[in-house]
Protein backbone atom coordinates (compact mmCIF):
# COMPACT_ATOMS: atom_id res chain seq x y z
CA MET A 1 -39.49 1.02 14.45
CA SER A 2 -37.43 3.21 12.07
CA ARG A 3 -35.85 6.13 13.30
CA SER A 4 -37.64 8.36 10.93
CA ILE A 5 -40.86 7.03 11.82
CA GLU A 6 -40.08 7.13 15.61
CA GLN A 7 -38.98 10.94 15.02
CA THR A 8 -42.35 11.67 12.95
CA LEU A 9 -44.43 9.91 15.57
CA GLY A 10 -42.96 11.52 18.48
CA GLY A 11 -43.50 14.73 17.08
CA ALA A 12 -47.03 14.25 15.92
CA ILE A 13 -47.76 12.98 19.13
CA LEU A 14 -46.71 16.22 21.00
CA ALA A 15 -48.39 18.25 18.80
CA ALA A 16 -51.79 16.05 19.36
CA MET A 17 -51.19 16.73 22.85
CA LEU A 18 -50.56 20.81 22.65
CA VAL A 19 -53.76 20.92 20.73
CA ALA A 20 -56.35 18.23 22.25
CA ALA A 21 -57.81 20.22 25.02
CA SER A 22 -59.12 24.01 24.88
CA PRO A 23 -57.16 25.72 27.64
CA VAL A 24 -59.31 25.55 31.14
CA LYS A 25 -58.49 27.26 34.39
CA ALA A 26 -55.44 25.26 36.11
CA ASP A 27 -58.14 24.78 39.45
CA ASP A 28 -60.80 23.28 36.95
CA LEU A 29 -58.02 20.46 35.56
CA SER A 30 -59.00 17.44 37.18
CA LEU A 31 -56.28 14.84 38.34
CA ALA A 32 -58.13 12.19 35.32
CA ASP A 33 -57.46 15.25 32.64
CA LYS A 34 -53.83 15.40 33.74
CA ILE A 35 -53.45 11.66 33.77
CA ALA A 36 -55.17 11.23 30.20
CA LEU A 37 -52.67 13.62 28.94
CA LEU A 38 -49.61 11.65 30.85
CA ILE A 39 -51.01 8.22 28.90
CA THR A 40 -50.82 10.08 25.76
CA ALA A 41 -47.37 11.14 26.05
CA TYR A 42 -46.10 7.98 26.55
CA PRO A 43 -47.94 5.66 24.20
CA GLU A 44 -44.99 3.03 23.99
CA THR A 45 -45.40 2.36 27.40
CA LEU A 46 -48.69 3.67 29.14
CA LEU A 47 -51.76 1.62 28.00
CA LYS A 48 -54.89 3.05 30.19
CA SER A 49 -55.92 4.20 33.76
CA GLU A 50 -58.37 2.49 35.65
CA SER A 51 -59.83 1.67 39.03
CA GLY A 52 -56.81 3.89 40.53
CA SER A 53 -54.06 2.58 38.75
CA ILE A 54 -52.25 2.88 35.17
CA PHE A 55 -51.72 -0.13 32.99
CA PHE A 56 -48.91 -1.18 31.08
CA PRO A 57 -48.86 -3.25 27.94
CA ASP A 58 -47.21 -6.43 29.97
CA GLY A 59 -50.03 -6.50 32.25
CA GLY A 60 -48.46 -4.77 34.95
CA SER A 61 -50.10 -1.91 36.75
CA SER A 62 -48.98 1.01 38.95
CA PRO A 63 -51.15 3.23 41.51
CA ILE A 64 -51.76 6.81 40.86
CA ASP A 65 -51.83 7.72 44.32
CA ASP A 66 -50.22 5.85 47.12
CA GLY A 67 -52.41 7.00 49.68
CA LYS A 68 -49.69 9.06 51.89
CA ALA A 69 -50.45 12.70 53.00
CA LYS A 70 -46.90 14.27 51.96
CA ASP A 71 -45.49 17.74 52.33
CA HIS A 72 -43.47 19.20 49.83
CA ALA A 73 -40.07 17.29 50.61
CA ALA A 74 -41.55 13.83 51.18
CA LYS A 75 -43.18 14.39 47.81
CA LEU A 76 -39.64 15.18 46.54
CA ALA A 77 -37.99 12.30 48.28
CA ALA A 78 -40.74 9.57 47.58
CA GLY A 79 -43.67 10.92 45.22
CA ASP A 80 -46.23 8.57 43.26
CA ILE A 81 -47.94 9.63 39.94
CA GLU A 82 -50.23 11.74 41.44
CA ASP A 83 -47.71 13.67 43.23
CA SER A 84 -45.60 13.81 40.13
CA LEU A 85 -48.70 16.02 38.29
CA SER A 86 -49.49 18.18 41.30
CA GLN A 87 -47.89 21.48 40.05
CA ILE A 88 -48.68 23.12 36.72
CA TYR A 89 -45.60 23.72 34.60
CA PRO A 90 -45.44 27.19 32.89
CA ALA A 91 -44.09 27.33 29.66
CA GLY A 92 -43.24 30.29 27.65
CA ALA A 93 -40.58 32.43 26.29
CA CYS A 94 -40.85 34.89 29.80
CA GLU A 95 -38.89 34.43 32.61
CA THR A 96 -40.62 34.43 35.83
CA LYS A 97 -39.54 33.78 39.57
CA PRO A 98 -40.74 30.87 41.21
CA ASP A 99 -42.75 30.88 44.07
CA VAL A 100 -41.52 29.17 47.65
CA ASN A 101 -41.61 25.12 46.90
CA PHE A 102 -42.87 25.74 43.21
CA ASP A 103 -40.85 22.91 41.75
CA PRO A 104 -43.53 21.45 38.55
CA GLY A 105 -41.42 18.32 37.14
CA ARG A 106 -38.89 18.18 39.98
CA ILE A 107 -41.25 15.98 41.74
CA ARG A 108 -41.05 12.57 40.18
CA SER A 109 -42.37 9.07 40.48
CA ASP A 110 -39.28 6.92 40.31
CA ALA A 111 -41.27 3.76 39.78
CA LEU A 112 -42.74 5.55 36.54
CA MET A 113 -39.41 6.57 35.24
CA MET A 114 -38.31 3.13 35.52
CA ARG A 115 -41.23 1.76 33.75
CA LEU A 116 -40.90 4.53 30.95
CA TYR A 117 -36.52 4.07 30.57
CA GLY A 118 -35.48 1.15 32.45
CA ALA A 119 -34.85 -0.14 36.16
CA SER A 120 -31.08 -0.56 35.82
CA THR A 121 -28.20 0.88 34.29
CA GLU A 122 -28.19 -2.25 31.76
CA GLN A 123 -31.76 -1.58 30.98
CA VAL A 124 -31.27 2.06 30.54
CA GLU A 125 -28.26 1.90 28.27
CA ALA A 126 -29.47 -0.50 25.87
CA SER A 127 -31.88 2.19 24.65
CA LEU A 128 -29.18 4.98 24.46
CA VAL A 129 -28.37 6.94 20.83
CA SER A 130 -25.88 8.90 19.92
CA VAL A 131 -26.82 12.34 19.49
CA ASP A 132 -24.64 15.19 17.80
CA TRP A 133 -24.78 18.23 20.42
CA PHE A 134 -22.89 20.81 18.63
CA GLY A 135 -19.84 19.00 17.68
CA LYS A 136 -19.76 16.52 21.45
CA LYS A 137 -21.84 13.13 20.84
CA LEU A 138 -23.94 12.62 23.70
CA ARG A 139 -26.00 9.41 24.89
CA VAL A 140 -29.57 9.93 24.89
CA THR A 141 -32.56 7.64 25.15
CA LYS A 142 -34.84 7.02 22.15
CA ARG A 143 -37.30 5.74 24.26
CA GLN A 144 -40.26 7.69 24.36
CA GLY A 145 -38.97 9.97 21.44
CA ALA A 146 -36.68 11.76 23.87
CA ALA A 147 -33.45 11.52 21.76
CA ALA A 148 -35.79 12.62 18.46
CA ALA A 149 -37.15 15.53 20.37
CA LEU A 150 -33.53 16.72 21.82
CA GLU A 151 -32.39 16.24 17.94
CA LYS A 152 -35.21 18.96 16.97
CA VAL A 153 -34.18 21.30 19.50
CA ARG A 154 -30.60 21.21 18.40
CA ASP A 155 -31.84 21.95 14.91
CA GLU A 156 -33.90 24.85 16.06
CA LEU A 157 -30.67 26.25 17.96
CA ARG A 158 -28.48 25.90 15.23
CA ALA A 159 -30.02 28.35 13.29
CA MET A 160 -29.57 30.99 16.44
CA PRO A 161 -25.21 30.75 16.10
CA ASP A 162 -25.02 33.65 19.04
CA MET A 163 -26.88 30.91 21.28
CA LYS A 164 -24.04 28.34 20.65
CA THR A 165 -21.67 29.85 23.79
CA PHE A 166 -24.66 28.98 25.70
CA LEU A 167 -25.38 25.55 24.89
CA ALA A 168 -21.87 23.80 24.34
CA PRO A 169 -19.94 22.08 25.75
CA SER A 170 -22.97 20.14 27.72
CA ALA A 171 -22.38 18.96 31.12
CA GLY A 172 -23.96 15.70 30.34
CA THR A 173 -26.49 13.37 29.86
CA PHE A 174 -26.87 10.01 30.95
CA ASN A 175 -25.70 9.19 34.70
CA TRP A 176 -27.50 6.49 36.55
CA ARG A 177 -27.10 8.13 40.15
CA LYS A 178 -29.32 9.63 43.12
CA VAL A 179 -30.19 13.02 42.75
CA ALA A 180 -27.40 14.92 45.05
CA GLY A 181 -28.19 14.55 49.10
CA ALA A 182 -31.54 12.47 48.21
CA SER A 183 -32.54 9.14 47.85
CA ASN A 184 -34.52 9.56 44.41
CA MET A 185 -33.46 9.21 40.85
CA PRO A 186 -32.95 12.35 38.67
CA VAL A 187 -33.78 12.06 34.94
CA HIS A 188 -30.28 12.32 34.05
CA SER A 189 -30.46 8.41 35.54
CA PHE A 190 -32.85 7.44 32.71
CA GLY A 191 -30.82 8.99 29.54
CA ALA A 192 -33.80 11.68 29.28
CA ALA A 193 -32.05 14.95 30.62
CA ILE A 194 -29.26 17.31 29.43
CA ASP A 195 -27.23 20.11 31.08
CA ILE A 196 -25.83 22.85 28.74
CA ASN A 197 -22.46 24.67 29.49
CA THR A 198 -22.17 25.32 33.33
CA GLN A 199 -20.16 28.26 32.27
CA TYR A 200 -23.59 30.28 32.53
CA ALA A 201 -25.04 27.77 35.42
CA ASP A 202 -27.02 28.61 38.44
CA TYR A 203 -28.03 26.61 41.12
CA TRP A 204 -29.77 26.94 44.22
CA ILE A 205 -27.36 25.08 46.59
CA TRP A 206 -24.31 27.06 45.08
CA SER A 207 -26.36 30.30 46.34
CA GLY A 208 -26.33 29.03 49.58
CA GLY A 209 -29.96 27.88 49.85
CA LYS A 210 -31.32 24.93 51.92
CA PRO A 211 -34.43 22.95 51.44
CA GLY A 212 -37.36 25.05 51.14
CA ARG A 213 -35.09 28.37 51.97
CA VAL A 214 -33.45 29.62 48.43
CA PRO A 215 -32.01 33.13 49.15
CA HIS A 216 -32.17 34.34 45.60
CA TYR A 217 -33.22 33.48 42.37
CA LYS A 218 -30.76 34.15 39.37
CA ASN A 219 -30.78 33.16 35.37
CA ARG A 220 -28.27 33.90 32.41
CA TYR A 221 -29.22 31.70 29.78
CA PRO A 222 -31.46 33.52 27.01
CA MET A 223 -35.17 32.59 26.84
CA LYS A 224 -34.75 31.59 23.23
CA ILE A 225 -33.23 28.90 25.03
CA ILE A 226 -36.02 27.74 27.12
CA ASP A 227 -38.88 28.41 24.58
CA ALA A 228 -37.04 26.20 21.77
CA PHE A 229 -36.77 23.28 24.72
CA GLU A 230 -40.02 23.46 25.91
CA ARG A 231 -41.58 23.67 22.32
CA HIS A 232 -40.36 20.30 21.95
CA GLY A 233 -41.36 18.51 25.26
CA PHE A 234 -38.44 19.52 27.64
CA ILE A 235 -39.21 21.61 30.95
CA TRP A 236 -36.52 23.97 32.34
CA GLY A 237 -34.76 23.76 35.53
CA GLY A 238 -35.10 27.49 36.06
CA ARG A 239 -38.41 27.38 36.29
CA TRP A 240 -38.26 25.69 39.78
CA TYR A 241 -37.93 27.55 43.25
CA HIS A 242 -35.07 25.02 44.15
CA TYR A 243 -33.68 26.30 40.52
CA ASP A 244 -31.28 24.59 38.35
CA THR A 245 -30.61 26.95 35.00
CA MET A 246 -28.41 24.70 33.22
CA HIS A 247 -30.98 21.39 33.26
CA PHE A 248 -33.36 20.19 31.11
CA GLU A 249 -35.45 17.37 30.89
CA TYR A 250 -37.83 15.24 28.56
CA ARG A 251 -41.47 15.62 30.22
CA PRO A 252 -43.72 16.09 27.40
CA GLU A 253 -46.96 15.51 29.91
CA LEU A 254 -46.10 18.60 31.93
CA ILE A 255 -45.80 20.85 28.95
CA ALA A 256 -49.19 19.34 27.75
CA ILE A 257 -51.07 19.70 30.99
CA GLY A 258 -49.51 23.27 31.48
CA LYS A 259 -51.23 24.01 27.79
CA ALA A 260 -54.57 22.40 28.82
CA ALA A 261 -54.70 24.23 31.67
CA GLY A 262 -54.27 27.45 30.04
CA VAL A 263 -51.09 28.44 32.38
CA SER A 264 -48.02 30.11 30.86
CA ALA A 265 -44.68 32.04 31.84
CA CYS A 266 -45.81 35.02 29.92
CA ARG A 267 -49.17 35.52 31.94
């Protein structure tokens, strides 16, 4: 697939996801509704949902629910697909203070992410492309339209020259590793996340936080930046109770689910 076609397709898919469903109350959005939006978000890899599993074009499948009861910490450590969709992400140009253990998107299924982007450093690296980020070349995956989406964010933010100081230099994109102090993989491992200028960053551990007990929330990035990322399918670590304000990751399914549920950071 050519790059221009890939970019157009990625934008069309996200636009369709955002308008496909009339907003409903968050409590009324079923797991089946969320799974449908998940599959729509990643048509390159996800084929269908049937009999409690998601199926892939190669004939493989992955269970949606592993059947294990988990508290928040267990979901973070070893989440399944259902767990990854259990909290609804509130996009919008407004800043909110997250409730305790409200971490939408921080809960992920490693098995699903490896299906979407690659199960090893070598597999992920095979799909990395170079994206210019305010004069610096960053390695980002082209899979699922992530690189094309980041380029759209960049182009939009270039029209706001007063924002550049917050955006560059980037603190990085691809880095195959475990989450600090945990056993699961961050989205950086898959080349689908970016950290912006650390000079303005705030992080829950830096504030003296412990898992499940974060003393205070702080953010120094303008909401114009967050809004631009979210409108192109990225979620922001500043929406998390365990906050990481420099961090953005490509999770278009969560943006679409929040939209369908009628959830907004501005309400």
